Amino acid sequence: MAQLPTFYEGAEAIMIDILIYGRTLEEHNRRLQLVLEKLNRHGHTLNNEKYLSTIKRPIMDLLKSDTAWYWGPYQDYAFTKSGRC
C-alpha cells in the first residue's frame, strides 16, 4: 500500500479511512479542503461511493428511531452537498 502524505491538524489517517474534524463546520470544511488538495498533489484518489455515503450521514442518522430530531449546520451542509452529487 502506498504511503499517505502527512496530514494537517484535525486530520488523521486510520487504516483506509481519513478522519477530518473541527470545532466548527467552517474549520472542518477548511481542513477538508486542505487534505483533498494535498491528496490530489500526491496523486491519491478517493472512493467516491464511500465519500457520498459519508456526506449524507448527518441526514441518515435522523431516520434512526433512537435519534432525537435536530437540524443544524451539519445536516444543512449534508443536504446541500448531497444535492450536488
PDB file of N, CA and C in Angstrom:
ATOM      1  N   MET A   1       0.850  -1.185   0.000  1.00  0.00           N
ATOM      2  CA  MET A   1       0.000   0.000   0.000  1.00  0.00           C
ATOM      3  C   MET A   1       0.890   1.240   0.000  1.00  0.00           C
ATOM      4  N   ALA A   2       0.507   2.238  -0.750  1.00  0.00           N
ATOM      5  CA  ALA A   2       1.273   3.479  -0.846  1.00  0.00           C
ATOM      6  C   ALA A   2       1.234   4.233   0.471  1.00  0.00           C
ATOM      7  N   GLN A   3       2.312   4.922   0.762  1.00  0.00           N
ATOM      8  CA  GLN A   3       2.391   5.725   1.976  1.00  0.00           C
ATOM      9  C   GLN A   3       1.578   7.009   1.787  1.00  0.00           C
ATOM     10  N   LEU A   4       0.671   7.280   2.705  1.00  0.00           N
ATOM     11  CA  LEU A   4      -0.114   8.512   2.634  1.00  0.00           C
ATOM     12  C   LEU A   4       0.726   9.682   3.107  1.00  0.00           C
ATOM     13  N   PRO A   5       0.507  10.843   2.541  1.00  0.00           N
ATOM     14  CA  PRO A   5       1.245  12.018   2.998  1.00  0.00           C
ATOM     15  C   PRO A   5       0.836  12.389   4.413  1.00  0.00           C
ATOM     16  N   THR A   6       1.721  13.086   5.099  1.00  0.00           N
ATOM     17  CA  THR A   6       1.401  13.584   6.431  1.00  0.00           C
ATOM     18  C   THR A   6       0.289  14.616   6.291  1.00  0.00           C
ATOM     19  N   PHE A   7      -0.696  14.529   7.183  1.00  0.00           N
ATOM     20  CA  PHE A   7      -1.830  15.438   7.091  1.00  0.00           C
ATOM     21  C   PHE A   7      -1.649  16.663   7.985  1.00  0.00           C
ATOM     22  N   TYR A   8      -2.703  17.357   8.192  1.00  0.00           N
ATOM     23  CA  TYR A   8      -2.722  18.595   8.945  1.00  0.00           C
ATOM     24  C   TYR A   8      -3.381  18.381  10.298  1.00  0.00           C
ATOM     25  N   GLU A   9      -3.313  19.404  11.149  1.00  0.00           N
ATOM     26  CA  GLU A   9      -4.029  19.353  12.416  1.00  0.00           C
ATOM     27  C   GLU A   9      -5.512  19.155  12.123  1.00  0.00           C
ATOM     28  N   GLY A  10      -6.146  18.244  12.854  1.00  0.00           N
ATOM     29  CA  GLY A  10      -7.560  17.986  12.644  1.00  0.00           C
ATOM     30  C   GLY A  10      -7.837  16.946  11.581  1.00  0.00           C
ATOM     31  N   ALA A  11      -6.789  16.259  11.103  1.00  0.00           N
ATOM     32  CA  ALA A  11      -6.963  15.211  10.096  1.00  0.00           C
ATOM     33  C   ALA A  11      -5.977  14.091  10.385  1.00  0.00           C
ATOM     34  N   GLU A  12      -6.457  12.870  10.318  1.00  0.00           N
ATOM     35  CA  GLU A  12      -5.570  11.737  10.531  1.00  0.00           C
ATOM     36  C   GLU A  12      -6.033  10.545   9.712  1.00  0.00           C
ATOM     37  N   ALA A  13      -5.063   9.750   9.278  1.00  0.00           N
ATOM     38  CA  ALA A  13      -5.361   8.543   8.511  1.00  0.00           C
ATOM     39  C   ALA A  13      -5.381   7.362   9.471  1.00  0.00           C
ATOM     40  N   ILE A  14      -6.469   6.590   9.435  1.00  0.00           N
ATOM     41  CA  ILE A  14      -6.605   5.395  10.255  1.00  0.00           C
ATOM     42  C   ILE A  14      -7.024   4.261   9.328  1.00  0.00           C
ATOM     43  N   MET A  15      -6.132   3.275   9.201  1.00  0.00           N
ATOM     44  CA  MET A  15      -6.349   2.155   8.288  1.00  0.00           C
ATOM     45  C   MET A  15      -6.586   2.713   6.870  1.00  0.00           C
ATOM     46  N   ILE A  16      -7.779   2.521   6.325  1.00  0.00           N
ATOM     47  CA  ILE A  16      -8.056   3.003   4.966  1.00  0.00           C
ATOM     48  C   ILE A  16      -8.945   4.241   4.972  1.00  0.00           C
ATOM     49  N   ASP A  17      -9.179   4.808   6.145  1.00  0.00           N
ATOM     50  CA  ASP A  17     -10.046   5.980   6.268  1.00  0.00           C
ATOM     51  C   ASP A  17      -9.233   7.221   6.621  1.00  0.00           C
ATOM     52  N   ILE A  18      -9.751   8.364   6.272  1.00  0.00           N
ATOM     53  CA  ILE A  18      -9.173   9.637   6.670  1.00  0.00           C
ATOM     54  C   ILE A  18     -10.234  10.360   7.495  1.00  0.00           C
ATOM     55  N   LEU A  19      -9.910  10.645   8.745  1.00  0.00           N
ATOM     56  CA  LEU A  19     -10.836  11.350   9.632  1.00  0.00           C
ATOM     57  C   LEU A  19     -10.460  12.820   9.662  1.00  0.00           C
ATOM     58  N   ILE A  20     -11.455  13.666   9.469  1.00  0.00           N
ATOM     59  CA  ILE A  20     -11.247  15.109   9.486  1.00  0.00           C
ATOM     60  C   ILE A  20     -12.266  15.701  10.439  1.00  0.00           C
ATOM     61  N   TYR A  21     -11.800  16.543  11.333  1.00  0.00           N
ATOM     62  CA  TYR A  21     -12.700  17.117  12.329  1.00  0.00           C
ATOM     63  C   TYR A  21     -12.318  18.564  12.595  1.00  0.00           C
ATOM     64  N   GLY A  22     -13.238  19.287  13.215  1.00  0.00           N
ATOM     65  CA  GLY A  22     -13.003  20.677  13.571  1.00  0.00           C
ATOM     66  C   GLY A  22     -13.999  21.116  14.631  1.00  0.00           C
ATOM     67  N   ARG A  23     -13.701  22.204  15.295  1.00  0.00           N
ATOM     68  CA  ARG A  23     -14.603  22.717  16.346  1.00  0.00           C
ATOM     69  C   ARG A  23     -15.870  23.320  15.748  1.00  0.00           C
ATOM     70  N   THR A  24     -15.774  23.794  14.515  1.00  0.00           N
ATOM     71  CA  THR A  24     -16.930  24.372  13.828  1.00  0.00           C
ATOM     72  C   THR A  24     -17.010  23.761  12.432  1.00  0.00           C
ATOM     73  N   LEU A  25     -18.144  23.938  11.793  1.00  0.00           N
ATOM     74  CA  LEU A  25     -18.303  23.450  10.420  1.00  0.00           C
ATOM     75  C   LEU A  25     -17.319  24.139   9.487  1.00  0.00           C
ATOM     76  N   GLU A  26     -17.079  25.425   9.695  1.00  0.00           N
ATOM     77  CA  GLU A  26     -16.146  26.169   8.850  1.00  0.00           C
ATOM     78  C   GLU A  26     -14.727  25.631   9.007  1.00  0.00           C
ATOM     79  N   GLU A  27     -14.320  25.350  10.257  1.00  0.00           N
ATOM     80  CA  GLU A  27     -12.987  24.803  10.485  1.00  0.00           C
ATOM     81  C   GLU A  27     -12.859  23.417   9.846  1.00  0.00           C
ATOM     82  N   HIS A  28     -13.882  22.592   9.991  1.00  0.00           N
ATOM     83  CA  HIS A  28     -13.900  21.266   9.375  1.00  0.00           C
ATOM     84  C   HIS A  28     -13.752  21.380   7.862  1.00  0.00           C
ATOM     85  N   ASN A  29     -14.535  22.250   7.237  1.00  0.00           N
ATOM     86  CA  ASN A  29     -14.514  22.393   5.782  1.00  0.00           C
ATOM     87  C   ASN A  29     -13.168  22.913   5.282  1.00  0.00           C
ATOM     88  N   ARG A  30     -12.558  23.825   6.039  1.00  0.00           N
ATOM     89  CA  ARG A  30     -11.239  24.355   5.663  1.00  0.00           C
ATOM     90  C   ARG A  30     -10.205  23.231   5.706  1.00  0.00           C
ATOM     91  N   ARG A  31     -10.242  22.432   6.764  1.00  0.00           N
ATOM     92  CA  ARG A  31      -9.306  21.311   6.882  1.00  0.00           C
ATOM     93  C   ARG A  31      -9.558  20.263   5.802  1.00  0.00           C
ATOM     94  N   LEU A  32     -10.827  20.001   5.500  1.00  0.00           N
ATOM     95  CA  LEU A  32     -11.172  19.051   4.445  1.00  0.00           C
ATOM     96  C   LEU A  32     -10.583  19.500   3.115  1.00  0.00           C
ATOM     97  N   GLN A  33     -10.723  20.771   2.801  1.00  0.00           N
ATOM     98  CA  GLN A  33     -10.188  21.308   1.549  1.00  0.00           C
ATOM     99  C   GLN A  33      -8.680  21.144   1.479  1.00  0.00           C
ATOM    100  N   LEU A  34      -7.972  21.430   2.582  1.00  0.00           N
ATOM    101  CA  LEU A  34      -6.517  21.277   2.609  1.00  0.00           C
ATOM    102  C   LEU A  34      -6.102  19.827   2.356  1.00  0.00           C
ATOM    103  N   VAL A  35      -6.789  18.894   2.998  1.00  0.00           N
ATOM    104  CA  VAL A  35      -6.463  17.478   2.846  1.00  0.00           C
ATOM    105  C   VAL A  35      -6.738  17.016   1.415  1.00  0.00           C
ATOM    106  N   LEU A  36      -7.879  17.398   0.856  1.00  0.00           N
ATOM    107  CA  LEU A  36      -8.198  16.999  -0.517  1.00  0.00           C
ATOM    108  C   LEU A  36      -7.179  17.548  -1.512  1.00  0.00           C
ATOM    109  N   GLU A  37      -6.759  18.783  -1.307  1.00  0.00           N
ATOM    110  CA  GLU A  37      -5.747  19.375  -2.183  1.00  0.00           C
ATOM    111  C   GLU A  37      -4.422  18.630  -2.070  1.00  0.00           C
ATOM    112  N   LYS A  38      -4.028  18.273  -0.843  1.00  0.00           N
ATOM    113  CA  LYS A  38      -2.770  17.560  -0.644  1.00  0.00           C
ATOM    114  C   LYS A  38      -2.830  16.157  -1.264  1.00  0.00           C
ATOM    115  N   LEU A  39      -3.950  15.467  -1.084  1.00  0.00           N
ATOM    116  CA  LEU A  39      -4.107  14.150  -1.697  1.00  0.00           C
ATOM    117  C   LEU A  39      -3.978  14.251  -3.217  1.00  0.00           C
ATOM    118  N   ASN A  40      -4.613  15.252  -3.787  1.00  0.00           N
ATOM    119  CA  ASN A  40      -4.567  15.459  -5.232  1.00  0.00           C
ATOM    120  C   ASN A  40      -3.136  15.713  -5.715  1.00  0.00           C
ATOM    121  N   ARG A  41      -2.395  16.548  -4.995  1.00  0.00           N
ATOM    122  CA  ARG A  41      -0.999  16.840  -5.362  1.00  0.00           C
ATOM    123  C   ARG A  41      -0.133  15.586  -5.350  1.00  0.00           C
ATOM    124  N   HIS A  42      -0.456  14.644  -4.445  1.00  0.00           N
ATOM    125  CA  HIS A  42       0.335  13.417  -4.313  1.00  0.00           C
ATOM    126  C   HIS A  42      -0.213  12.279  -5.178  1.00  0.00           C
ATOM    127  N   GLY A  43      -1.247  12.558  -5.969  1.00  0.00           N
ATOM    128  CA  GLY A  43      -1.766  11.560  -6.891  1.00  0.00           C
ATOM    129  C   GLY A  43      -2.670  10.511  -6.271  1.00  0.00           C
ATOM    130  N   HIS A  44      -3.184  10.756  -5.087  1.00  0.00           N
ATOM    131  CA  HIS A  44      -4.093   9.811  -4.430  1.00  0.00           C
ATOM    132  C   HIS A  44      -5.531  10.077  -4.873  1.00  0.00           C
ATOM    133  N   THR A  45      -6.327   9.037  -4.924  1.00  0.00           N
ATOM    134  CA  THR A  45      -7.747   9.168  -5.249  1.00  0.00           C
ATOM    135  C   THR A  45      -8.575   8.631  -4.093  1.00  0.00           C
ATOM    136  N   LEU A  46      -9.844   9.013  -4.064  1.00  0.00           N
ATOM    137  CA  LEU A  46     -10.762   8.575  -3.019  1.00  0.00           C
ATOM    138  C   LEU A  46     -11.853   7.702  -3.616  1.00  0.00           C
ATOM    139  N   ASN A  47     -12.432   6.853  -2.778  1.00  0.00           N
ATOM    140  CA  ASN A  47     -13.560   6.023  -3.183  1.00  0.00           C
ATOM    141  C   ASN A  47     -14.794   6.907  -3.161  1.00  0.00           C
ATOM    142  N   ASN A  48     -15.256   7.349  -4.312  1.00  0.00           N
ATOM    143  CA  ASN A  48     -16.373   8.291  -4.406  1.00  0.00           C
ATOM    144  C   ASN A  48     -17.650   7.741  -3.781  1.00  0.00           C
ATOM    145  N   GLU A  49     -17.909   6.449  -3.921  1.00  0.00           N
ATOM    146  CA  GLU A  49     -19.122   5.861  -3.353  1.00  0.00           C
ATOM    147  C   GLU A  49     -19.125   5.979  -1.833  1.00  0.00           C
ATOM    148  N   LYS A  50     -17.984   5.725  -1.213  1.00  0.00           N
ATOM    149  CA  LYS A  50     -17.886   5.841   0.239  1.00  0.00           C
ATOM    150  C   LYS A  50     -18.028   7.309   0.654  1.00  0.00           C
ATOM    151  N   TYR A  51     -17.426   8.216  -0.115  1.00  0.00           N
ATOM    152  CA  TYR A  51     -17.497   9.647   0.179  1.00  0.00           C
ATOM    153  C   TYR A  51     -18.950  10.116   0.156  1.00  0.00           C
ATOM    154  N   LEU A  52     -19.717   9.715  -0.848  1.00  0.00           N
ATOM    155  CA  LEU A  52     -21.108  10.164  -0.946  1.00  0.00           C
ATOM    156  C   LEU A  52     -21.918   9.662   0.234  1.00  0.00           C
ATOM    157  N   SER A  53     -21.686   8.440   0.686  1.00  0.00           N
ATOM    158  CA  SER A  53     -22.451   7.922   1.821  1.00  0.00           C
ATOM    159  C   SER A  53     -22.066   8.646   3.111  1.00  0.00           C
ATOM    160  N   THR A  54     -20.809   9.064   3.232  1.00  0.00           N
ATOM    161  CA  THR A  54     -20.365   9.792   4.411  1.00  0.00           C
ATOM    162  C   THR A  54     -20.986  11.184   4.456  1.00  0.00           C
ATOM    163  N   ILE A  55     -21.085  11.832   3.310  1.00  0.00           N
ATOM    164  CA  ILE A  55     -21.679  13.170   3.238  1.00  0.00           C
ATOM    165  C   ILE A  55     -23.106  13.139   3.774  1.00  0.00           C
ATOM    166  N   LYS A  56     -23.862  12.110   3.443  1.00  0.00           N
ATOM    167  CA  LYS A  56     -25.281  12.039   3.818  1.00  0.00           C
ATOM    168  C   LYS A  56     -25.518  11.555   5.247  1.00  0.00           C
ATOM    169  N   ARG A  57     -24.471  11.138   5.943  1.00  0.00           N
ATOM    170  CA  ARG A  57     -24.651  10.545   7.280  1.00  0.00           C
ATOM    171  C   ARG A  57     -25.457  11.415   8.247  1.00  0.00           C
ATOM    172  N   PRO A  58     -25.205  12.739   8.372  1.00  0.00           N
ATOM    173  CA  PRO A  58     -25.998  13.534   9.323  1.00  0.00           C
ATOM    174  C   PRO A  58     -27.503  13.477   9.056  1.00  0.00           C
ATOM    175  N   ILE A  59     -27.898  13.334   7.795  1.00  0.00           N
ATOM    176  CA  ILE A  59     -29.320  13.230   7.464  1.00  0.00           C
ATOM    177  C   ILE A  59     -29.820  11.818   7.716  1.00  0.00           C
ATOM    178  N   MET A  60     -29.041  10.827   7.321  1.00  0.00           N
ATOM    179  CA  MET A  60     -29.449   9.434   7.511  1.00  0.00           C
ATOM    180  C   MET A  60     -29.602   9.097   8.992  1.00  0.00           C
ATOM    181  N   ASP A  61     -28.761   9.695   9.834  1.00  0.00           N
ATOM    182  CA  ASP A  61     -28.865   9.446  11.277  1.00  0.00           C
ATOM    183  C   ASP A  61     -30.207   9.906  11.835  1.00  0.00           C
ATOM    184  N   LEU A  62     -30.822  10.912  11.215  1.00  0.00           N
ATOM    185  CA  LEU A  62     -32.123  11.396  11.691  1.00  0.00           C
ATOM    186  C   LEU A  62     -33.234  10.364  11.489  1.00  0.00           C
ATOM    187  N   LEU A  63     -33.015   9.405  10.613  1.00  0.00           N
ATOM    188  CA  LEU A  63     -34.020   8.378  10.346  1.00  0.00           C
ATOM    189  C   LEU A  63     -34.018   7.255  11.380  1.00  0.00           C
ATOM    190  N   LYS A  64     -33.018   7.232  12.236  1.00  0.00           N
ATOM    191  CA  LYS A  64     -32.945   6.199  13.274  1.00  0.00           C
ATOM    192  C   LYS A  64     -33.984   6.492  14.350  1.00  0.00           C
ATOM    193  N   SER A  65     -34.634   5.441  14.836  1.00  0.00           N
ATOM    194  CA  SER A  65     -35.711   5.622  15.816  1.00  0.00           C
ATOM    195  C   SER A  65     -35.206   6.138  17.163  1.00  0.00           C
ATOM    196  N   ASP A  66     -33.947   5.898  17.486  1.00  0.00           N
ATOM    197  CA  ASP A  66     -33.424   6.330  18.785  1.00  0.00           C
ATOM    198  C   ASP A  66     -32.701   7.678  18.740  1.00  0.00           C
ATOM    199  N   THR A  67     -32.871   8.416  17.628  1.00  0.00           N
ATOM    200  CA  THR A  67     -32.209   9.711  17.459  1.00  0.00           C
ATOM    201  C   THR A  67     -33.222  10.836  17.564  1.00  0.00           C
ATOM    202  N   ALA A  68     -32.889  11.816  18.410  1.00  0.00           N
ATOM    203  CA  ALA A  68     -33.758  12.990  18.529  1.00  0.00           C
ATOM    204  C   ALA A  68     -33.631  13.835  17.263  1.00  0.00           C
ATOM    205  N   TRP A  69     -34.728  14.435  16.842  1.00  0.00           N
ATOM    206  CA  TRP A  69     -34.719  15.272  15.642  1.00  0.00           C
ATOM    207  C   TRP A  69     -33.962  16.556  15.923  1.00  0.00           C
ATOM    208  N   TYR A  70     -32.970  16.839  15.098  1.00  0.00           N
ATOM    209  CA  TYR A  70     -32.211  18.079  15.203  1.00  0.00           C
ATOM    210  C   TYR A  70     -31.690  18.428  13.819  1.00  0.00           C
ATOM    211  N   TRP A  71     -31.974  19.626  13.352  1.00  0.00           N
ATOM    212  CA  TRP A  71     -31.459  20.094  12.069  1.00  0.00           C
ATOM    213  C   TRP A  71     -30.523  21.259  12.350  1.00  0.00           C
ATOM    214  N   GLY A  72     -29.258  21.028  12.150  1.00  0.00           N
ATOM    215  CA  GLY A  72     -28.254  22.050  12.410  1.00  0.00           C
ATOM    216  C   GLY A  72     -27.343  22.231  11.211  1.00  0.00           C
ATOM    217  N   PRO A  73     -26.185  22.848  11.426  1.00  0.00           N
ATOM    218  CA  PRO A  73     -25.294  23.140  10.306  1.00  0.00           C
ATOM    219  C   PRO A  73     -24.777  21.888   9.595  1.00  0.00           C
ATOM    220  N   TYR A  74     -24.546  20.792  10.323  1.00  0.00           N
ATOM    221  CA  TYR A  74     -24.048  19.577   9.668  1.00  0.00           C
ATOM    222  C   TYR A  74     -25.121  18.962   8.766  1.00  0.00           C
ATOM    223  N   GLN A  75     -26.366  18.977   9.226  1.00  0.00           N
ATOM    224  CA  GLN A  75     -27.452  18.440   8.396  1.00  0.00           C
ATOM    225  C   GLN A  75     -27.683  19.340   7.181  1.00  0.00           C
ATOM    226  N   ASP A  76     -27.607  20.630   7.382  1.00  0.00           N
ATOM    227  CA  ASP A  76     -27.791  21.569   6.278  1.00  0.00           C
ATOM    228  C   ASP A  76     -26.691  21.393   5.232  1.00  0.00           C
ATOM    229  N   TYR A  77     -25.466  21.252   5.695  1.00  0.00           N
ATOM    230  CA  TYR A  77     -24.339  21.034   4.783  1.00  0.00           C
ATOM    231  C   TYR A  77     -24.516  19.723   4.013  1.00  0.00           C
ATOM    232  N   ALA A  78     -24.908  18.656   4.720  1.00  0.00           N
ATOM    233  CA  ALA A  78     -25.112  17.356   4.068  1.00  0.00           C
ATOM    234  C   ALA A  78     -26.207  17.447   3.013  1.00  0.00           C
ATOM    235  N   PHE A  79     -27.284  18.141   3.337  1.00  0.00           N
ATOM    236  CA  PHE A  79     -28.383  18.296   2.392  1.00  0.00           C
ATOM    237  C   PHE A  79     -27.930  19.046   1.142  1.00  0.00           C
ATOM    238  N   THR A  80     -27.209  20.130   1.342  1.00  0.00           N
ATOM    239  CA  THR A  80     -26.719  20.938   0.228  1.00  0.00           C
ATOM    240  C   THR A  80     -25.735  20.163  -0.641  1.00  0.00           C
ATOM    241  N   LYS A  81     -24.766  19.483  -0.013  1.00  0.00           N
ATOM    242  CA  LYS A  81     -23.750  18.742  -0.769  1.00  0.00           C
ATOM    243  C   LYS A  81     -24.333  17.528  -1.476  1.00  0.00           C
ATOM    244  N   SER A  82     -25.248  16.808  -0.840  1.00  0.00           N
ATOM    245  CA  SER A  82     -25.786  15.597  -1.469  1.00  0.00           C
ATOM    246  C   SER A  82     -26.647  15.954  -2.669  1.00  0.00           C
ATOM    247  N   GLY A  83     -27.204  17.141  -2.697  1.00  0.00           N
ATOM    248  CA  GLY A  83     -27.978  17.576  -3.857  1.00  0.00           C
ATOM    249  C   GLY A  83     -27.108  17.855  -5.066  1.00  0.00           C
ATOM    250  N   ARG A  84     -25.836  18.168  -4.849  1.00  0.00           N
ATOM    251  CA  ARG A  84     -24.906  18.462  -5.938  1.00  0.00           C
ATOM    252  C   ARG A  84     -24.200  17.222  -6.468  1.00  0.00           C
ATOM    253  N   CYS A  85     -24.268  16.130  -5.727  1.00  0.00           N
ATOM    254  CA  CYS A  85     -23.525  14.915  -6.111  1.00  0.00           C
ATOM    255  C   CYS A  85     -24.232  14.174  -7.218  1.00  0.00           C
TER     256      CYS A  85
END
